[in-house]
Structure formats: C-alpha cells, structure tokens
C-alpha cells in the first residue's frame, strides 16, 4: 500500500494498514472469499510489520494495537476473533466493511471459493 499523503501521521498509516489487513482476513477466513491476491496480502502484511518495527511508539497508540500486537504477517486467521467488542457487536463494523468490499468486487455475500487470499 502506498502512502502518498504527506499529512498522514505514522499512527494513521498504521491504523489504515491494520484495518485493511483485518478486513481482508475477515473476507478470507470468515466469509470464505477473496478480493486480493496472496501476494498483495503478504506484501501489505510485511509492510505493516516493517512499519511496526520502525514506528513502535506510534503503533502502541493505534486503535487496533491490541488486535495486531504480535502479528508477524504470516497469517490473519485469528484477527477477527481478537477484535474489540465494539467492532464485533455494534453493527459488526469491520464485518460490514468486508461485506461491502465483497459486494463492490461483485462477489456477493462471501459464497465464493477460498483459492486465493
């Protein structure tokens, strides 16, 4: 993911990338579908891990710190289950985003195969 906006802080960049990773993980592991390639997921996950290493103090202040703490980029299978109660229960905020992404990608409600991430 390229961050060309010079006004975004590292905290904002880390939050955006974490949210993207979580949403893609929900699409793949909870909705049994995909909208991005394995390579794109891996590239963004490794970018996130690198940014966490470089900007750990900013990372500790992010909204998704508790969810992403310990994430090493190898898999996102448990990220949905690490979410705060707010994100899981109040209109399934991130789950709703994942459903909208699938809809926009023309993949409906997550009934597609899991051949790619």
PDB file of N, CA and C in Angstrom:
ATOM      1  N   UNK A   1       0.856  -1.153   0.000  1.00  0.00           N
ATOM      2  CA  UNK A   1       0.000   0.000   0.000  1.00  0.00           C
ATOM      3  C   UNK A   1       0.909   1.224   0.000  1.00  0.00           C
ATOM      4  N   UNK A   2       0.624   2.155  -0.868  1.00  0.00           N
ATOM      5  CA  UNK A   2       1.441   3.360  -0.947  1.00  0.00           C
ATOM      6  C   UNK A   2       0.751   4.489  -0.196  1.00  0.00           C
ATOM      7  N   UNK A   3       1.518   5.157   0.622  1.00  0.00           N
ATOM      8  CA  UNK A   3       1.006   6.278   1.403  1.00  0.00           C
ATOM      9  C   UNK A   3       1.610   7.564   0.866  1.00  0.00           C
ATOM     10  N   UNK A   4       0.917   8.186  -0.081  1.00  0.00           N
ATOM     11  CA  UNK A   4       1.435   9.395  -0.702  1.00  0.00           C
ATOM     12  C   UNK A   4       1.008  10.672   0.002  1.00  0.00           C
ATOM     13  N   UNK A   5       0.079  10.571   0.938  1.00  0.00           N
ATOM     14  CA  UNK A   5      -0.406  11.754   1.628  1.00  0.00           C
ATOM     15  C   UNK A   5       0.621  12.192   2.678  1.00  0.00           C
ATOM     16  N   UNK A   6       1.276  13.329   2.471  1.00  0.00           N
ATOM     17  CA  UNK A   6       2.319  13.766   3.408  1.00  0.00           C
ATOM     18  C   UNK A   6       1.758  14.243   4.747  1.00  0.00           C
ATOM     19  N   UNK A   7       0.457  14.382   4.867  1.00  0.00           N
ATOM     20  CA  UNK A   7      -0.147  14.892   6.089  1.00  0.00           C
ATOM     21  C   UNK A   7      -0.556  13.789   7.053  1.00  0.00           C
ATOM     22  N   UNK A   8      -0.493  12.548   6.611  1.00  0.00           N
ATOM     23  CA  UNK A   8      -0.849  11.432   7.477  1.00  0.00           C
ATOM     24  C   UNK A   8       0.305  11.115   8.422  1.00  0.00           C
ATOM     25  N   UNK A   9      -0.021  10.916   9.672  1.00  0.00           N
ATOM     26  CA  UNK A   9       0.987  10.521  10.657  1.00  0.00           C
ATOM     27  C   UNK A   9       1.273   9.021  10.506  1.00  0.00           C
ATOM     28  N   UNK A  10       2.346   8.557  11.144  1.00  0.00           N
ATOM     29  CA  UNK A  10       2.641   7.128  11.112  1.00  0.00           C
ATOM     30  C   UNK A  10       1.539   6.355  11.824  1.00  0.00           C
ATOM     31  N   UNK A  11       0.956   6.928  12.855  1.00  0.00           N
ATOM     32  CA  UNK A  11      -0.159   6.286  13.554  1.00  0.00           C
ATOM     33  C   UNK A  11      -1.333   6.074  12.593  1.00  0.00           C
ATOM     34  N   UNK A  12      -1.661   7.096  11.808  1.00  0.00           N
ATOM     35  CA  UNK A  12      -2.753   6.989  10.843  1.00  0.00           C
ATOM     36  C   UNK A  12      -2.445   5.924   9.800  1.00  0.00           C
ATOM     37  N   UNK A  13      -1.229   5.919   9.296  1.00  0.00           N
ATOM     38  CA  UNK A  13      -0.831   4.927   8.294  1.00  0.00           C
ATOM     39  C   UNK A  13      -0.929   3.505   8.860  1.00  0.00           C
ATOM     40  N   UNK A  14      -0.465   3.330  10.099  1.00  0.00           N
ATOM     41  CA  UNK A  14      -0.533   2.016  10.727  1.00  0.00           C
ATOM     42  C   UNK A  14      -1.980   1.585  10.964  1.00  0.00           C
ATOM     43  N   UNK A  15      -2.832   2.514  11.384  1.00  0.00           N
ATOM     44  CA  UNK A  15      -4.247   2.198  11.581  1.00  0.00           C
ATOM     45  C   UNK A  15      -4.916   1.793  10.267  1.00  0.00           C
ATOM     46  N   UNK A  16      -4.641   2.529   9.205  1.00  0.00           N
ATOM     47  CA  UNK A  16      -5.246   2.207   7.903  1.00  0.00           C
ATOM     48  C   UNK A  16      -4.797   0.844   7.397  1.00  0.00           C
ATOM     49  N   UNK A  17      -3.514   0.579   7.520  1.00  0.00           N
ATOM     50  CA  UNK A  17      -2.986  -0.702   7.048  1.00  0.00           C
ATOM     51  C   UNK A  17      -3.506  -1.852   7.912  1.00  0.00           C
ATOM     52  N   UNK A  18      -3.594  -1.657   9.207  1.00  0.00           N
ATOM     53  CA  UNK A  18      -4.140  -2.692  10.093  1.00  0.00           C
ATOM     54  C   UNK A  18      -5.593  -2.978   9.738  1.00  0.00           C
ATOM     55  N   UNK A  19      -6.387  -1.927   9.525  1.00  0.00           N
ATOM     56  CA  UNK A  19      -7.793  -2.118   9.167  1.00  0.00           C
ATOM     57  C   UNK A  19      -7.909  -2.882   7.850  1.00  0.00           C
ATOM     58  N   UNK A  20      -7.071  -2.546   6.880  1.00  0.00           N
ATOM     59  CA  UNK A  20      -7.087  -3.243   5.589  1.00  0.00           C
ATOM     60  C   UNK A  20      -6.785  -4.730   5.790  1.00  0.00           C
ATOM     61  N   UNK A  21      -5.767  -5.039   6.582  1.00  0.00           N
ATOM     62  CA  UNK A  21      -5.380  -6.430   6.835  1.00  0.00           C
ATOM     63  C   UNK A  21      -6.514  -7.174   7.531  1.00  0.00           C
ATOM     64  N   UNK A  22      -7.131  -6.549   8.525  1.00  0.00           N
ATOM     65  CA  UNK A  22      -8.222  -7.194   9.248  1.00  0.00           C
ATOM     66  C   UNK A  22      -9.404  -7.457   8.316  1.00  0.00           C
ATOM     67  N   UNK A  23      -9.762  -6.468   7.507  1.00  0.00           N
ATOM     68  CA  UNK A  23     -10.890  -6.639   6.587  1.00  0.00           C
ATOM     69  C   UNK A  23     -10.606  -7.761   5.595  1.00  0.00           C
ATOM     70  N   UNK A  24      -9.402  -7.804   5.046  1.00  0.00           N
ATOM     71  CA  UNK A  24      -9.060  -8.877   4.110  1.00  0.00           C
ATOM     72  C   UNK A  24      -9.080 -10.235   4.804  1.00  0.00           C
ATOM     73  N   UNK A  25      -8.677 -10.280   6.062  1.00  0.00           N
ATOM     74  CA  UNK A  25      -8.718 -11.530   6.819  1.00  0.00           C
ATOM     75  C   UNK A  25     -10.150 -11.979   7.067  1.00  0.00           C
ATOM     76  N   UNK A  26     -11.041 -11.036   7.349  1.00  0.00           N
ATOM     77  CA  UNK A  26     -12.453 -11.372   7.532  1.00  0.00           C
ATOM     78  C   UNK A  26     -13.018 -11.938   6.232  1.00  0.00           C
ATOM     79  N   UNK A  27     -12.696 -11.283   5.119  1.00  0.00           N
ATOM     80  CA  UNK A  27     -13.194 -11.755   3.825  1.00  0.00           C
ATOM     81  C   UNK A  27     -12.729 -13.185   3.561  1.00  0.00           C
ATOM     82  N   UNK A  28     -11.484 -13.456   3.861  1.00  0.00           N
ATOM     83  CA  UNK A  28     -10.926 -14.776   3.553  1.00  0.00           C
ATOM     84  C   UNK A  28     -11.346 -15.844   4.556  1.00  0.00           C
ATOM     85  N   UNK A  29     -11.148 -15.576   5.839  1.00  0.00           N
ATOM     86  CA  UNK A  29     -11.353 -16.614   6.849  1.00  0.00           C
ATOM     87  C   UNK A  29     -12.788 -16.716   7.371  1.00  0.00           C
ATOM     88  N   UNK A  30     -13.532 -15.623   7.371  1.00  0.00           N
ATOM     89  CA  UNK A  30     -14.889 -15.662   7.902  1.00  0.00           C
ATOM     90  C   UNK A  30     -15.945 -15.776   6.801  1.00  0.00           C
ATOM     91  N   UNK A  31     -15.668 -15.158   5.645  1.00  0.00           N
ATOM     92  CA  UNK A  31     -16.638 -15.141   4.556  1.00  0.00           C
ATOM     93  C   UNK A  31     -16.268 -16.086   3.408  1.00  0.00           C
ATOM     94  N   UNK A  32     -15.149 -16.789   3.565  1.00  0.00           N
ATOM     95  CA  UNK A  32     -14.715 -17.789   2.577  1.00  0.00           C
ATOM     96  C   UNK A  32     -14.647 -17.240   1.161  1.00  0.00           C
ATOM     97  N   UNK A  33     -14.058 -16.079   1.025  1.00  0.00           N
ATOM     98  CA  UNK A  33     -13.921 -15.474  -0.295  1.00  0.00           C
ATOM     99  C   UNK A  33     -12.583 -14.740  -0.357  1.00  0.00           C
ATOM    100  N   UNK A  34     -12.380 -13.983  -1.403  1.00  0.00           N
ATOM    101  CA  UNK A  34     -11.164 -13.193  -1.549  1.00  0.00           C
ATOM    102  C   UNK A  34     -11.408 -12.071  -2.559  1.00  0.00           C
ATOM    103  N   UNK A  35     -10.675 -10.995  -2.397  1.00  0.00           N
ATOM    104  CA  UNK A  35     -10.712  -9.905  -3.374  1.00  0.00           C
ATOM    105  C   UNK A  35      -9.303  -9.437  -3.732  1.00  0.00           C
ATOM    106  N   UNK A  36      -8.308  -9.930  -3.022  1.00  0.00           N
ATOM    107  CA  UNK A  36      -6.917  -9.592  -3.329  1.00  0.00           C
ATOM    108  C   UNK A  36      -6.110 -10.875  -3.443  1.00  0.00           C
ATOM    109  N   UNK A  37      -4.992 -10.781  -4.108  1.00  0.00           N
ATOM    110  CA  UNK A  37      -4.125 -11.949  -4.268  1.00  0.00           C
ATOM    111  C   UNK A  37      -3.359 -12.223  -2.972  1.00  0.00           C
ATOM    112  N   UNK A  38      -2.848 -13.439  -2.865  1.00  0.00           N
ATOM    113  CA  UNK A  38      -1.981 -13.782  -1.735  1.00  0.00           C
ATOM    114  C   UNK A  38      -0.790 -12.843  -1.672  1.00  0.00           C
ATOM    115  N   UNK A  39      -0.234 -12.530  -2.832  1.00  0.00           N
ATOM    116  CA  UNK A  39       0.938 -11.656  -2.883  1.00  0.00           C
ATOM    117  C   UNK A  39       0.617 -10.268  -2.332  1.00  0.00           C
ATOM    118  N   UNK A  40      -0.527  -9.709  -2.702  1.00  0.00           N
ATOM    119  CA  UNK A  40      -0.887  -8.388  -2.201  1.00  0.00           C
ATOM    120  C   UNK A  40      -1.074  -8.422  -0.682  1.00  0.00           C
ATOM    121  N   UNK A  41      -1.749  -9.461  -0.190  1.00  0.00           N
ATOM    122  CA  UNK A  41      -1.933  -9.582   1.257  1.00  0.00           C
ATOM    123  C   UNK A  41      -0.576  -9.712   1.946  1.00  0.00           C
ATOM    124  N   UNK A  42       0.288 -10.575   1.428  1.00  0.00           N
ATOM    125  CA  UNK A  42       1.610 -10.769   2.020  1.00  0.00           C
ATOM    126  C   UNK A  42       2.437  -9.491   1.984  1.00  0.00           C
ATOM    127  N   UNK A  43       2.427  -8.802   0.849  1.00  0.00           N
ATOM    128  CA  UNK A  43       3.196  -7.553   0.722  1.00  0.00           C
ATOM    129  C   UNK A  43       2.730  -6.518   1.736  1.00  0.00           C
ATOM    130  N   UNK A  44       1.425  -6.338   1.854  1.00  0.00           N
ATOM    131  CA  UNK A  44       0.899  -5.349   2.801  1.00  0.00           C
ATOM    132  C   UNK A  44       1.126  -5.785   4.246  1.00  0.00           C
ATOM    133  N   UNK A  45       1.031  -7.080   4.511  1.00  0.00           N
ATOM    134  CA  UNK A  45       1.289  -7.580   5.861  1.00  0.00           C
ATOM    135  C   UNK A  45       2.743  -7.362   6.259  1.00  0.00           C
ATOM    136  N   UNK A  46       3.650  -7.650   5.339  1.00  0.00           N
ATOM    137  CA  UNK A  46       5.072  -7.447   5.638  1.00  0.00           C
ATOM    138  C   UNK A  46       5.415  -5.962   5.734  1.00  0.00           C
ATOM    139  N   UNK A  47       4.749  -5.140   4.940  1.00  0.00           N
ATOM    140  CA  UNK A  47       4.938  -3.699   5.067  1.00  0.00           C
ATOM    141  C   UNK A  47       4.493  -3.242   6.458  1.00  0.00           C
ATOM    142  N   UNK A  48       3.344  -3.746   6.906  1.00  0.00           N
ATOM    143  CA  UNK A  48       2.835  -3.399   8.229  1.00  0.00           C
ATOM    144  C   UNK A  48       3.836  -3.791   9.314  1.00  0.00           C
ATOM    145  N   UNK A  49       4.331  -5.012   9.254  1.00  0.00           N
ATOM    146  CA  UNK A  49       5.292  -5.499  10.250  1.00  0.00           C
ATOM    147  C   UNK A  49       6.544  -4.618  10.252  1.00  0.00           C
ATOM    148  N   UNK A  50       7.023  -4.239   9.067  1.00  0.00           N
ATOM    149  CA  UNK A  50       8.186  -3.356   8.981  1.00  0.00           C
ATOM    150  C   UNK A  50       7.919  -1.983   9.583  1.00  0.00           C
ATOM    151  N   UNK A  51       6.732  -1.443   9.316  1.00  0.00           N
ATOM    152  CA  UNK A  51       6.378  -0.135   9.886  1.00  0.00           C
ATOM    153  C   UNK A  51       6.235  -0.213  11.400  1.00  0.00           C
ATOM    154  N   UNK A  52       5.718  -1.317  11.901  1.00  0.00           N
ATOM    155  CA  UNK A  52       5.618  -1.503  13.358  1.00  0.00           C
ATOM    156  C   UNK A  52       7.011  -1.499  13.963  1.00  0.00           C
ATOM    157  N   UNK A  53       7.945  -2.191  13.328  1.00  0.00           N
ATOM    158  CA  UNK A  53       9.322  -2.219  13.828  1.00  0.00           C
ATOM    159  C   UNK A  53       9.945  -0.818  13.844  1.00  0.00           C
ATOM    160  N   UNK A  54       9.674  -0.038  12.802  1.00  0.00           N
ATOM    161  CA  UNK A  54      10.249   1.301  12.679  1.00  0.00           C
ATOM    162  C   UNK A  54       9.551   2.345  13.552  1.00  0.00           C
ATOM    163  N   UNK A  55       8.263   2.161  13.799  1.00  0.00           N
ATOM    164  CA  UNK A  55       7.452   3.178  14.479  1.00  0.00           C
ATOM    165  C   UNK A  55       6.644   2.548  15.613  1.00  0.00           C
ATOM    166  N   UNK A  56       7.345   1.814  16.475  1.00  0.00           N
ATOM    167  CA  UNK A  56       6.674   1.057  17.530  1.00  0.00           C
ATOM    168  C   UNK A  56       5.913   1.956  18.510  1.00  0.00           C
ATOM    169  N   UNK A  57       6.442   3.122  18.830  1.00  0.00           N
ATOM    170  CA  UNK A  57       5.733   4.032  19.739  1.00  0.00           C
ATOM    171  C   UNK A  57       4.411   4.495  19.136  1.00  0.00           C
ATOM    172  N   UNK A  58       4.412   4.788  17.836  1.00  0.00           N
ATOM    173  CA  UNK A  58       3.169   5.162  17.155  1.00  0.00           C
ATOM    174  C   UNK A  58       2.207   3.976  17.121  1.00  0.00           C
ATOM    175  N   UNK A  59       2.741   2.782  16.880  1.00  0.00           N
ATOM    176  CA  UNK A  59       1.921   1.580  16.822  1.00  0.00           C
ATOM    177  C   UNK A  59       1.172   1.357  18.137  1.00  0.00           C
ATOM    178  N   UNK A  60       1.831   1.604  19.241  1.00  0.00           N
ATOM    179  CA  UNK A  60       1.212   1.396  20.550  1.00  0.00           C
ATOM    180  C   UNK A  60       0.027   2.330  20.793  1.00  0.00           C
ATOM    181  N   UNK A  61      -0.086   3.375  20.003  1.00  0.00           N
ATOM    182  CA  UNK A  61      -1.181   4.331  20.144  1.00  0.00           C
ATOM    183  C   UNK A  61      -2.306   4.098  19.139  1.00  0.00           C
ATOM    184  N   UNK A  62      -2.179   3.083  18.293  1.00  0.00           N
ATOM    185  CA  UNK A  62      -3.183   2.855  17.261  1.00  0.00           C
ATOM    186  C   UNK A  62      -4.441   2.212  17.834  1.00  0.00           C
ATOM    187  N   UNK A  63      -5.530   2.374  17.112  1.00  0.00           N
ATOM    188  CA  UNK A  63      -6.817   1.824  17.507  1.00  0.00           C
ATOM    189  C   UNK A  63      -6.782   0.299  17.562  1.00  0.00           C
ATOM    190  N   UNK A  64      -6.039  -0.315  16.647  1.00  0.00           N
ATOM    191  CA  UNK A  64      -6.018  -1.772  16.541  1.00  0.00           C
ATOM    192  C   UNK A  64      -4.775  -2.399  17.176  1.00  0.00           C
ATOM    193  N   UNK A  65      -4.142  -1.687  18.081  1.00  0.00           N
ATOM    194  CA  UNK A  65      -2.918  -2.190  18.711  1.00  0.00           C
ATOM    195  C   UNK A  65      -3.127  -3.568  19.340  1.00  0.00           C
ATOM    196  N   UNK A  66      -4.173  -3.724  20.144  1.00  0.00           N
ATOM    197  CA  UNK A  66      -4.390  -4.998  20.841  1.00  0.00           C
ATOM    198  C   UNK A  66      -4.685  -6.132  19.870  1.00  0.00           C
ATOM    199  N   UNK A  67      -5.319  -5.821  18.757  1.00  0.00           N
ATOM    200  CA  UNK A  67      -5.622  -6.842  17.757  1.00  0.00           C
ATOM    201  C   UNK A  67      -4.360  -7.244  17.005  1.00  0.00           C
ATOM    202  N   UNK A  68      -3.547  -6.268  16.646  1.00  0.00           N
ATOM    203  CA  UNK A  68      -2.401  -6.515  15.774  1.00  0.00           C
ATOM    204  C   UNK A  68      -1.107  -6.803  16.531  1.00  0.00           C
ATOM    205  N   UNK A  69      -1.112  -6.622  17.844  1.00  0.00           N
ATOM    206  CA  UNK A  69       0.087  -6.893  18.642  1.00  0.00           C
ATOM    207  C   UNK A  69       0.494  -8.349  18.449  1.00  0.00           C
ATOM    208  N   UNK A  70       1.733  -8.574  18.070  1.00  0.00           N
ATOM    209  CA  UNK A  70       2.227  -9.922  17.837  1.00  0.00           C
ATOM    210  C   UNK A  70       1.999 -10.442  16.433  1.00  0.00           C
ATOM    211  N   UNK A  71       1.285  -9.673  15.590  1.00  0.00           N
ATOM    212  CA  UNK A  71       1.059 -10.081  14.198  1.00  0.00           C
ATOM    213  C   UNK A  71       2.398 -10.088  13.472  1.00  0.00           C
ATOM    214  N   UNK A  72       2.720 -11.226  12.843  1.00  0.00           N
ATOM    215  CA  UNK A  72       4.016 -11.335  12.169  1.00  0.00           C
ATOM    216  C   UNK A  72       3.907 -11.356  10.651  1.00  0.00           C
ATOM    217  N   UNK A  73       2.677 -11.213  10.132  1.00  0.00           N
ATOM    218  CA  UNK A  73       2.491 -11.159   8.692  1.00  0.00           C
ATOM    219  C   UNK A  73       2.288 -12.503   8.037  1.00  0.00           C
ATOM    220  N   UNK A  74       2.404 -13.582   8.786  1.00  0.00           N
ATOM    221  CA  UNK A  74       2.302 -14.904   8.166  1.00  0.00           C
ATOM    222  C   UNK A  74       0.860 -15.357   7.947  1.00  0.00           C
ATOM    223  N   UNK A  75      -0.060 -14.943   8.802  1.00  0.00           N
ATOM    224  CA  UNK A  75      -1.460 -15.320   8.663  1.00  0.00           C
ATOM    225  C   UNK A  75      -2.332 -14.342   9.441  1.00  0.00           C
ATOM    226  N   UNK A  76      -3.567 -14.215   9.010  1.00  0.00           N
ATOM    227  CA  UNK A  76      -4.509 -13.357   9.709  1.00  0.00           C
ATOM    228  C   UNK A  76      -5.713 -14.133  10.197  1.00  0.00           C
ATOM    229  N   UNK A  77      -5.552 -15.453  10.368  1.00  0.00           N
ATOM    230  CA  UNK A  77      -6.703 -16.315  10.659  1.00  0.00           C
ATOM    231  C   UNK A  77      -7.424 -15.953  11.950  1.00  0.00           C
ATOM    232  N   UNK A  78      -6.727 -15.390  12.928  1.00  0.00           N
ATOM    233  CA  UNK A  78      -7.365 -15.122  14.217  1.00  0.00           C
ATOM    234  C   UNK A  78      -7.670 -13.647  14.467  1.00  0.00           C
ATOM    235  N   UNK A  79      -7.434 -12.791  13.500  1.00  0.00           N
ATOM    236  CA  UNK A  79      -7.596 -11.357  13.730  1.00  0.00           C
ATOM    237  C   UNK A  79      -9.038 -10.970  14.051  1.00  0.00           C
ATOM    238  N   UNK A  80     -10.008 -11.553  13.360  1.00  0.00           N
ATOM    239  CA  UNK A  80     -11.410 -11.223  13.628  1.00  0.00           C
ATOM    240  C   UNK A  80     -11.761 -11.537  15.079  1.00  0.00           C
ATOM    241  N   UNK A  81     -11.256 -12.639  15.589  1.00  0.00           N
ATOM    242  CA  UNK A  81     -11.593 -13.066  16.942  1.00  0.00           C
ATOM    243  C   UNK A  81     -10.844 -12.277  18.015  1.00  0.00           C
ATOM    244  N   UNK A  82      -9.873 -11.480  17.613  1.00  0.00           N
ATOM    245  CA  UNK A  82      -9.161 -10.616  18.547  1.00  0.00           C
ATOM    246  C   UNK A  82      -9.782  -9.222  18.639  1.00  0.00           C
ATOM    247  N   UNK A  83     -10.748  -8.938  17.794  1.00  0.00           N
ATOM    248  CA  UNK A  83     -11.340  -7.602  17.748  1.00  0.00           C
ATOM    249  C   UNK A  83     -12.003  -7.218  19.060  1.00  0.00           C
ATOM    250  N   UNK A  84     -12.040  -5.929  19.306  1.00  0.00           N
ATOM    251  CA  UNK A  84     -12.732  -5.399  20.472  1.00  0.00           C
ATOM    252  C   UNK A  84     -14.222  -5.671  20.345  1.00  0.00           C
ATOM    253  N   UNK A  85     -14.873  -5.706  21.457  1.00  0.00           N
ATOM    254  CA  UNK A  85     -16.318  -5.960  21.495  1.00  0.00           C
ATOM    255  C   UNK A  85     -17.079  -4.975  20.603  1.00  0.00           C
ATOM    256  N   UNK A  86     -16.678  -3.712  20.590  1.00  0.00           N
ATOM    257  CA  UNK A  86     -17.342  -2.691  19.782  1.00  0.00           C
ATOM    258  C   UNK A  86     -17.390  -3.098  18.317  1.00  0.00           C
ATOM    259  N   UNK A  87     -16.250  -3.510  17.787  1.00  0.00           N
ATOM    260  CA  UNK A  87     -16.167  -3.864  16.369  1.00  0.00           C
ATOM    261  C   UNK A  87     -16.940  -5.128  16.034  1.00  0.00           C
ATOM    262  N   UNK A  88     -17.055  -6.036  16.971  1.00  0.00           N
ATOM    263  CA  UNK A  88     -17.769  -7.282  16.724  1.00  0.00           C
ATOM    264  C   UNK A  88     -19.275  -7.121  16.869  1.00  0.00           C
ATOM    265  N   UNK A  89     -19.719  -6.360  17.854  1.00  0.00           N
ATOM    266  CA  UNK A  89     -21.134  -6.346  18.195  1.00  0.00           C
ATOM    267  C   UNK A  89     -21.913  -5.142  17.676  1.00  0.00           C
ATOM    268  N   UNK A  90     -21.345  -3.993  17.623  1.00  0.00           N
ATOM    269  CA  UNK A  90     -22.057  -2.798  17.203  1.00  0.00           C
ATOM    270  C   UNK A  90     -22.082  -2.722  15.682  1.00  0.00           C
ATOM    271  N   UNK A  91     -23.104  -3.367  15.123  1.00  0.00           N
ATOM    272  CA  UNK A  91     -23.326  -3.393  13.668  1.00  0.00           C
ATOM    273  C   UNK A  91     -22.178  -4.077  12.926  1.00  0.00           C
ATOM    274  N   UNK A  92     -21.387  -4.855  13.639  1.00  0.00           N
ATOM    275  CA  UNK A  92     -20.291  -5.587  13.007  1.00  0.00           C
ATOM    276  C   UNK A  92     -19.516  -4.669  12.060  1.00  0.00           C
ATOM    277  N   UNK A  93     -19.004  -3.605  12.597  1.00  0.00           N
ATOM    278  CA  UNK A  93     -18.350  -2.558  11.813  1.00  0.00           C
ATOM    279  C   UNK A  93     -17.394  -3.103  10.745  1.00  0.00           C
ATOM    280  N   UNK A  94     -16.380  -3.821  11.145  1.00  0.00           N
ATOM    281  CA  UNK A  94     -15.416  -4.317  10.162  1.00  0.00           C
ATOM    282  C   UNK A  94     -15.989  -5.449   9.319  1.00  0.00           C
ATOM    283  N   UNK A  95     -16.842  -6.254   9.898  1.00  0.00           N
ATOM    284  CA  UNK A  95     -17.520  -7.311   9.141  1.00  0.00           C
ATOM    285  C   UNK A  95     -18.378  -6.663   8.051  1.00  0.00           C
ATOM    286  N   UNK A  96     -19.037  -5.556   8.401  1.00  0.00           N
ATOM    287  CA  UNK A  96     -19.843  -4.818   7.425  1.00  0.00           C
ATOM    288  C   UNK A  96     -18.992  -4.249   6.305  1.00  0.00           C
ATOM    289  N   UNK A  97     -17.830  -3.731   6.658  1.00  0.00           N
ATOM    290  CA  UNK A  97     -16.906  -3.229   5.631  1.00  0.00           C
ATOM    291  C   UNK A  97     -16.516  -4.382   4.710  1.00  0.00           C
ATOM    292  N   UNK A  98     -16.213  -5.529   5.282  1.00  0.00           N
ATOM    293  CA  UNK A  98     -15.826  -6.690   4.474  1.00  0.00           C
ATOM    294  C   UNK A  98     -16.949  -7.088   3.521  1.00  0.00           C
ATOM    295  N   UNK A  99     -18.184  -7.085   4.006  1.00  0.00           N
ATOM    296  CA  UNK A  99     -19.323  -7.424   3.145  1.00  0.00           C
ATOM    297  C   UNK A  99     -19.470  -6.408   2.012  1.00  0.00           C
ATOM    298  N   UNK A 100     -19.269  -5.122   2.310  1.00  0.00           N
ATOM    299  CA  UNK A 100     -19.338  -4.090   1.272  1.00  0.00           C
ATOM    300  C   UNK A 100     -18.229  -4.257   0.249  1.00  0.00           C
ATOM    301  N   UNK A 101     -17.035  -4.593   0.696  1.00  0.00           N
ATOM    302  CA  UNK A 101     -15.919  -4.818  -0.232  1.00  0.00           C
ATOM    303  C   UNK A 101     -16.260  -5.972  -1.170  1.00  0.00           C
ATOM    304  N   UNK A 102     -16.789  -7.050  -0.622  1.00  0.00           N
ATOM    305  CA  UNK A 102     -17.191  -8.189  -1.458  1.00  0.00           C
ATOM    306  C   UNK A 102     -18.257  -7.788  -2.466  1.00  0.00           C
ATOM    307  N   UNK A 103     -19.221  -7.023  -2.014  1.00  0.00           N
ATOM    308  CA  UNK A 103     -20.291  -6.571  -2.907  1.00  0.00           C
ATOM    309  C   UNK A 103     -19.732  -5.715  -4.033  1.00  0.00           C
ATOM    310  N   UNK A 104     -18.858  -4.788  -3.688  1.00  0.00           N
ATOM    311  CA  UNK A 104     -18.254  -3.923  -4.708  1.00  0.00           C
ATOM    312  C   UNK A 104     -17.382  -4.708  -5.679  1.00  0.00           C
ATOM    313  N   UNK A 105     -16.807  -5.796  -5.199  1.00  0.00           N
ATOM    314  CA  UNK A 105     -15.972  -6.640  -6.057  1.00  0.00           C
ATOM    315  C   UNK A 105     -16.818  -7.607  -6.879  1.00  0.00           C
ATOM    316  N   UNK A 106     -18.146  -7.555  -6.694  1.00  0.00           N
ATOM    317  CA  UNK A 106     -19.028  -8.435  -7.441  1.00  0.00           C
ATOM    318  C   UNK A 106     -19.020  -9.865  -6.944  1.00  0.00           C
ATOM    319  N   UNK A 107     -18.673 -10.046  -5.671  1.00  0.00           N
ATOM    320  CA  UNK A 107     -18.590 -11.398  -5.122  1.00  0.00           C
ATOM    321  C   UNK A 107     -19.708 -11.664  -4.124  1.00  0.00           C
ATOM    322  N   UNK A 108     -20.698 -10.835  -4.085  1.00  0.00           N
ATOM    323  CA  UNK A 108     -21.873 -11.068  -3.247  1.00  0.00           C
ATOM    324  C   UNK A 108     -21.580 -11.162  -1.781  1.00  0.00           C
ATOM    325  N   UNK A 109     -22.198 -12.142  -1.135  1.00  0.00           N
ATOM    326  CA  UNK A 109     -22.123 -12.269   0.304  1.00  0.00           C
ATOM    327  C   UNK A 109     -21.076 -13.222   0.804  1.00  0.00           C
ATOM    328  N   UNK A 110     -20.068 -13.491   0.050  1.00  0.00           N
ATOM    329  CA  UNK A 110     -18.994 -14.344   0.556  1.00  0.00           C
ATOM    330  C   UNK A 110     -19.152 -15.815   0.246  1.00  0.00           C
ATOM    331  N   UNK A 111     -19.838 -16.151  -0.827  1.00  0.00           N
ATOM    332  CA  UNK A 111     -20.034 -17.547  -1.172  1.00  0.00           C
ATOM    333  C   UNK A 111     -18.994 -18.081  -2.150  1.00  0.00           C
ATOM    334  N   UNK A 112     -18.030 -17.252  -2.506  1.00  0.00           N
ATOM    335  CA  UNK A 112     -17.001 -17.679  -3.461  1.00  0.00           C
ATOM    336  C   UNK A 112     -15.994 -18.593  -2.793  1.00  0.00           C
ATOM    337  N   UNK A 113     -15.159 -19.243  -3.592  1.00  0.00           N
ATOM    338  CA  UNK A 113     -14.147 -20.160  -3.076  1.00  0.00           C
ATOM    339  C   UNK A 113     -13.015 -19.455  -2.364  1.00  0.00           C
ATOM    340  N   UNK A 114     -12.159 -20.243  -1.706  1.00  0.00           N
ATOM    341  CA  UNK A 114     -11.051 -19.705  -0.935  1.00  0.00           C
ATOM    342  C   UNK A 114      -9.720 -20.037  -1.585  1.00  0.00           C
ATOM    343  N   UNK A 115      -9.651 -20.009  -2.889  1.00  0.00           N
ATOM    344  CA  UNK A 115      -8.417 -20.438  -3.544  1.00  0.00           C
ATOM    345  C   UNK A 115      -7.300 -19.407  -3.442  1.00  0.00           C
ATOM    346  N   UNK A 116      -7.624 -18.174  -3.197  1.00  0.00           N
ATOM    347  CA  UNK A 116      -6.608 -17.132  -3.073  1.00  0.00           C
ATOM    348  C   UNK A 116      -6.984 -16.219  -1.945  1.00  0.00           C
ATOM    349  N   UNK A 117      -5.994 -15.468  -1.478  1.00  0.00           N
ATOM    350  CA  UNK A 117      -6.234 -14.510  -0.404  1.00  0.00           C
ATOM    351  C   UNK A 117      -6.228 -13.127  -0.966  1.00  0.00           C
TER     352      UNK A 117
END
